[in-house]
């Protein structure tokens, strides 16, 4: 396996959505057979302070609208934000379940239903708490020659990783999502164990109101 990831823009096409018309680009790479995606609106080439969301694939949230996580809502809020700005990029990385894949994520869900939080469920299955890698995202941004980004995220690790990979982050844009009984414990784990930048109070209130919500 090559040490440095290299990406190639393989195909692009216009995709009209409820949020607006985007250009969807498929990127191939020199390390695996995963097709990462860039969902682009407006002129981003060689621009500074581009609104960017780096989104990791989540079949259950993105496709099924699962309320166990906040992924699907984050994706669509990011698309709405880019449409409002008239310019931006959503990079869709094919690293399901924080990098463990869909089968293992479903096994982790079962452990969560038995009382483990999202971190301990991954660890119990022999995985890292978060095994994601953002080097493909950085390579895609370099391909588009983006000078700096305003990153839509609640995850400080994503900011530091992107900057370590050579992509300047000029601003963090918060992505607040709806709190449900089924995702309150999940979101609280993000705050308490993964240091995500979310307000813990509504999450704790939801858990008090619905103590049987899943982790």
Protein backbone atom coordinates (compact mmCIF):
# COMPACT_ATOMS: atom_id res chain seq x y z
CA UNK A 1 0.00 0.00 0.00
CA UNK A 2 1.34 3.44 -0.94
CA UNK A 3 2.19 5.63 2.03
CA UNK A 4 0.51 8.76 0.64
CA UNK A 5 -3.02 8.61 -0.69
CA UNK A 6 -3.56 9.94 -4.19
CA UNK A 7 -7.03 10.60 -5.55
CA UNK A 8 -8.30 10.89 -9.10
CA UNK A 9 -11.50 12.67 -10.11
CA UNK A 10 -13.11 9.88 -12.15
CA UNK A 11 -16.50 11.32 -13.10
CA UNK A 12 -18.78 14.27 -12.28
CA UNK A 13 -22.43 14.98 -13.06
CA UNK A 14 -25.18 17.42 -12.08
CA UNK A 15 -27.51 16.13 -9.35
CA UNK A 16 -30.61 18.23 -8.52
CA UNK A 17 -31.83 17.74 -4.93
CA UNK A 18 -34.42 19.19 -2.57
CA UNK A 19 -31.69 21.46 -1.20
CA UNK A 20 -30.48 22.63 -4.62
CA UNK A 21 -28.49 21.54 -7.66
CA UNK A 22 -25.05 20.07 -6.90
CA UNK A 23 -22.25 18.57 -8.94
CA UNK A 24 -21.45 15.09 -7.69
CA UNK A 25 -17.88 13.94 -8.30
CA UNK A 26 -16.59 10.40 -7.75
CA UNK A 27 -12.97 10.07 -6.65
CA UNK A 28 -10.91 6.91 -7.00
CA UNK A 29 -7.72 6.42 -5.00
CA UNK A 30 -4.49 4.41 -5.00
CA UNK A 31 -5.05 2.59 -1.69
CA UNK A 32 -8.37 0.75 -1.91
CA UNK A 33 -11.47 0.33 -4.08
CA UNK A 34 -13.59 2.83 -2.14
CA UNK A 35 -15.20 5.58 -4.19
CA UNK A 36 -15.19 8.75 -2.10
CA UNK A 37 -17.47 11.57 -3.21
CA UNK A 38 -17.43 15.35 -3.43
CA UNK A 39 -20.83 17.09 -3.53
CA UNK A 40 -20.05 20.56 -4.85
CA UNK A 41 -22.01 23.76 -5.38
CA UNK A 42 -20.70 26.96 -6.93
CA UNK A 43 -17.15 27.96 -7.81
CA UNK A 44 -14.88 26.47 -5.14
CA UNK A 45 -11.68 26.09 -7.21
CA UNK A 46 -8.77 27.95 -5.59
CA UNK A 47 -11.16 29.70 -3.19
CA UNK A 48 -10.58 30.61 0.46
CA UNK A 49 -12.96 30.07 3.39
CA UNK A 50 -15.05 27.52 1.51
CA UNK A 51 -17.90 25.97 3.51
CA UNK A 52 -16.95 22.28 3.83
CA UNK A 53 -18.51 19.28 5.52
CA UNK A 54 -16.52 16.05 5.77
CA UNK A 55 -19.21 13.42 6.23
CA UNK A 56 -18.55 9.75 6.92
CA UNK A 57 -20.94 7.29 5.31
CA UNK A 58 -23.82 6.18 7.54
CA UNK A 59 -26.30 3.90 5.77
CA UNK A 60 -28.67 3.77 8.73
CA UNK A 61 -28.77 7.54 9.22
CA UNK A 62 -28.24 8.87 5.70
CA UNK A 63 -30.50 6.42 3.85
CA UNK A 64 -32.98 5.11 6.42
CA UNK A 65 -33.22 8.27 8.55
CA UNK A 66 -32.35 6.34 11.71
CA UNK A 67 -32.71 8.33 14.93
CA UNK A 68 -29.98 6.36 16.71
CA UNK A 69 -27.48 8.93 15.42
CA UNK A 70 -27.43 12.48 14.04
CA UNK A 71 -25.72 11.63 10.72
CA UNK A 72 -28.59 11.93 8.25
CA UNK A 73 -29.73 15.25 9.68
CA UNK A 74 -26.15 16.57 9.69
CA UNK A 75 -25.80 15.65 6.01
CA UNK A 76 -28.96 17.47 4.98
CA UNK A 77 -28.25 20.48 7.19
CA UNK A 78 -24.83 20.72 5.56
CA UNK A 79 -26.46 20.59 2.11
CA UNK A 80 -28.90 23.33 3.18
CA UNK A 81 -26.04 25.47 4.50
CA UNK A 82 -24.05 25.11 1.26
CA UNK A 83 -27.17 25.96 -0.78
CA UNK A 84 -27.77 29.04 1.40
CA UNK A 85 -24.16 30.14 0.84
CA UNK A 86 -24.37 29.32 -2.87
CA UNK A 87 -20.96 27.68 -2.64
CA UNK A 88 -19.39 24.78 -0.77
CA UNK A 89 -18.34 21.15 -0.67
CA UNK A 90 -19.60 18.08 1.15
CA UNK A 91 -17.01 15.31 1.05
CA UNK A 92 -18.64 11.93 1.57
CA UNK A 93 -16.11 9.40 2.83
CA UNK A 94 -16.89 5.69 2.58
CA UNK A 95 -15.98 4.81 6.17
CA UNK A 96 -19.16 3.43 7.67
CA UNK A 97 -19.49 3.18 11.45
CA UNK A 98 -16.44 5.36 12.25
CA UNK A 99 -14.43 3.07 10.02
CA UNK A 100 -15.62 -0.39 11.17
CA UNK A 101 -18.15 -1.15 8.40
CA UNK A 102 -21.88 -1.77 8.48
CA UNK A 103 -21.83 -5.36 9.81
CA UNK A 104 -19.67 -4.43 12.77
CA UNK A 105 -21.74 -1.29 13.38
CA UNK A 106 -24.90 -3.39 13.66
CA UNK A 107 -23.12 -5.70 16.13
CA UNK A 108 -22.12 -2.59 18.07
CA UNK A 109 -25.77 -1.46 18.05
CA UNK A 110 -26.74 -4.73 19.74
CA UNK A 111 -24.11 -4.14 22.43
CA UNK A 112 -25.45 -0.62 22.89
CA UNK A 113 -28.95 -2.02 23.37
CA UNK A 114 -27.44 -4.17 26.13
CA UNK A 115 -26.11 -1.06 27.90
CA UNK A 116 -22.71 -0.16 26.40
CA UNK A 117 -22.13 3.30 24.99
CA UNK A 118 -20.87 3.83 21.43
CA UNK A 119 -17.21 3.99 22.49
CA UNK A 120 -17.25 0.86 24.67
CA UNK A 121 -19.26 -1.08 22.06
CA UNK A 122 -16.56 -0.43 19.43
CA UNK A 123 -13.80 -1.32 21.89
CA UNK A 124 -15.59 -4.53 22.91
CA UNK A 125 -15.56 -5.62 19.25
CA UNK A 126 -11.82 -5.01 19.03
CA UNK A 127 -11.99 -1.69 17.17
CA UNK A 128 -10.74 1.79 17.96
CA UNK A 129 -13.28 4.19 19.44
CA UNK A 130 -12.98 6.16 16.21
CA UNK A 131 -10.98 4.63 13.36
CA UNK A 132 -11.69 7.26 10.73
CA UNK A 133 -9.02 8.73 8.48
CA UNK A 134 -9.41 12.09 6.76
CA UNK A 135 -6.44 11.86 4.39
CA UNK A 136 -8.73 11.18 1.39
CA UNK A 137 -10.75 14.30 2.24
CA UNK A 138 -7.59 16.40 2.38
CA UNK A 139 -6.49 14.96 -0.97
CA UNK A 140 -9.85 15.86 -2.54
CA UNK A 141 -9.60 19.42 -1.20
CA UNK A 142 -6.09 19.64 -2.65
CA UNK A 143 -7.42 18.40 -5.99
CA UNK A 144 -9.93 21.27 -5.92
CA UNK A 145 -7.10 23.60 -4.81
CA UNK A 146 -9.19 24.91 -1.93
CA UNK A 147 -7.04 27.39 0.02
CA UNK A 148 -8.87 27.23 3.37
CA UNK A 149 -12.16 25.90 4.75
CA UNK A 150 -14.93 26.84 7.11
CA UNK A 151 -15.55 23.38 8.51
CA UNK A 152 -19.05 22.25 9.43
CA UNK A 153 -18.42 19.99 12.42
CA UNK A 154 -18.85 19.51 16.15
CA UNK A 155 -15.74 17.31 16.32
CA UNK A 156 -12.48 19.07 17.31
CA UNK A 157 -10.41 16.06 16.20
CA UNK A 158 -11.64 16.56 12.64
CA UNK A 159 -10.34 20.14 12.72
CA UNK A 160 -6.91 19.19 14.08
CA UNK A 161 -6.58 16.21 11.71
CA UNK A 162 -7.43 18.33 8.68
CA UNK A 163 -4.93 21.02 9.68
CA UNK A 164 -2.28 18.35 10.31
CA UNK A 165 -2.95 17.14 6.75
CA UNK A 166 -2.23 20.63 5.42
CA UNK A 167 -5.73 22.08 5.02
CA UNK A 168 -6.16 25.39 6.93
CA UNK A 169 -9.42 25.64 8.90
CA UNK A 170 -10.38 29.32 9.19
CA UNK A 171 -13.63 28.77 11.11
CA UNK A 172 -15.79 26.08 12.69
CA UNK A 173 -19.47 26.09 11.74
CA UNK A 174 -21.61 24.28 14.33
CA UNK A 175 -24.05 21.61 13.13
CA UNK A 176 -26.84 21.38 15.71
CA UNK A 177 -29.32 18.55 15.19
CA UNK A 178 -32.57 17.37 16.76
CA UNK A 179 -32.32 15.50 20.06
CA UNK A 180 -34.46 12.34 20.19
CA UNK A 181 -34.85 9.82 23.03
CA UNK A 182 -33.02 7.31 20.80
CA UNK A 183 -29.95 9.47 20.20
CA UNK A 184 -29.58 11.51 23.41
CA UNK A 185 -27.21 9.02 25.07
CA UNK A 186 -25.25 8.67 21.82
CA UNK A 187 -24.82 12.45 21.60
CA UNK A 188 -23.93 12.72 25.29
CA UNK A 189 -21.20 10.09 24.76
CA UNK A 190 -19.86 12.27 21.95
CA UNK A 191 -19.63 15.18 24.40
CA UNK A 192 -18.28 13.33 27.44
CA UNK A 193 -15.91 10.82 25.84
CA UNK A 194 -15.06 12.27 22.43
CA UNK A 195 -15.13 15.97 23.40
CA UNK A 196 -17.56 17.03 20.70
CA UNK A 197 -18.64 20.66 20.92
CA UNK A 198 -22.30 20.23 21.83
CA UNK A 199 -24.42 21.55 24.70
CA UNK A 200 -24.87 18.64 27.12
CA UNK A 201 -27.89 20.10 28.95
CA UNK A 202 -30.66 19.24 26.45
CA UNK A 203 -29.13 15.78 26.08
CA UNK A 204 -29.24 15.13 29.82
CA UNK A 205 -32.78 16.53 29.99
CA UNK A 206 -33.86 14.12 27.24
CA UNK A 207 -32.34 11.19 29.13
CA UNK A 208 -34.13 12.17 32.32
CA UNK A 209 -37.43 12.44 30.42
CA UNK A 210 -36.87 9.17 28.50
CA UNK A 211 -34.50 6.99 30.56
CA UNK A 212 -34.94 4.00 28.23
CA UNK A 213 -33.42 5.72 25.18
CA UNK A 214 -30.70 3.69 23.46
CA UNK A 215 -27.01 4.44 23.83
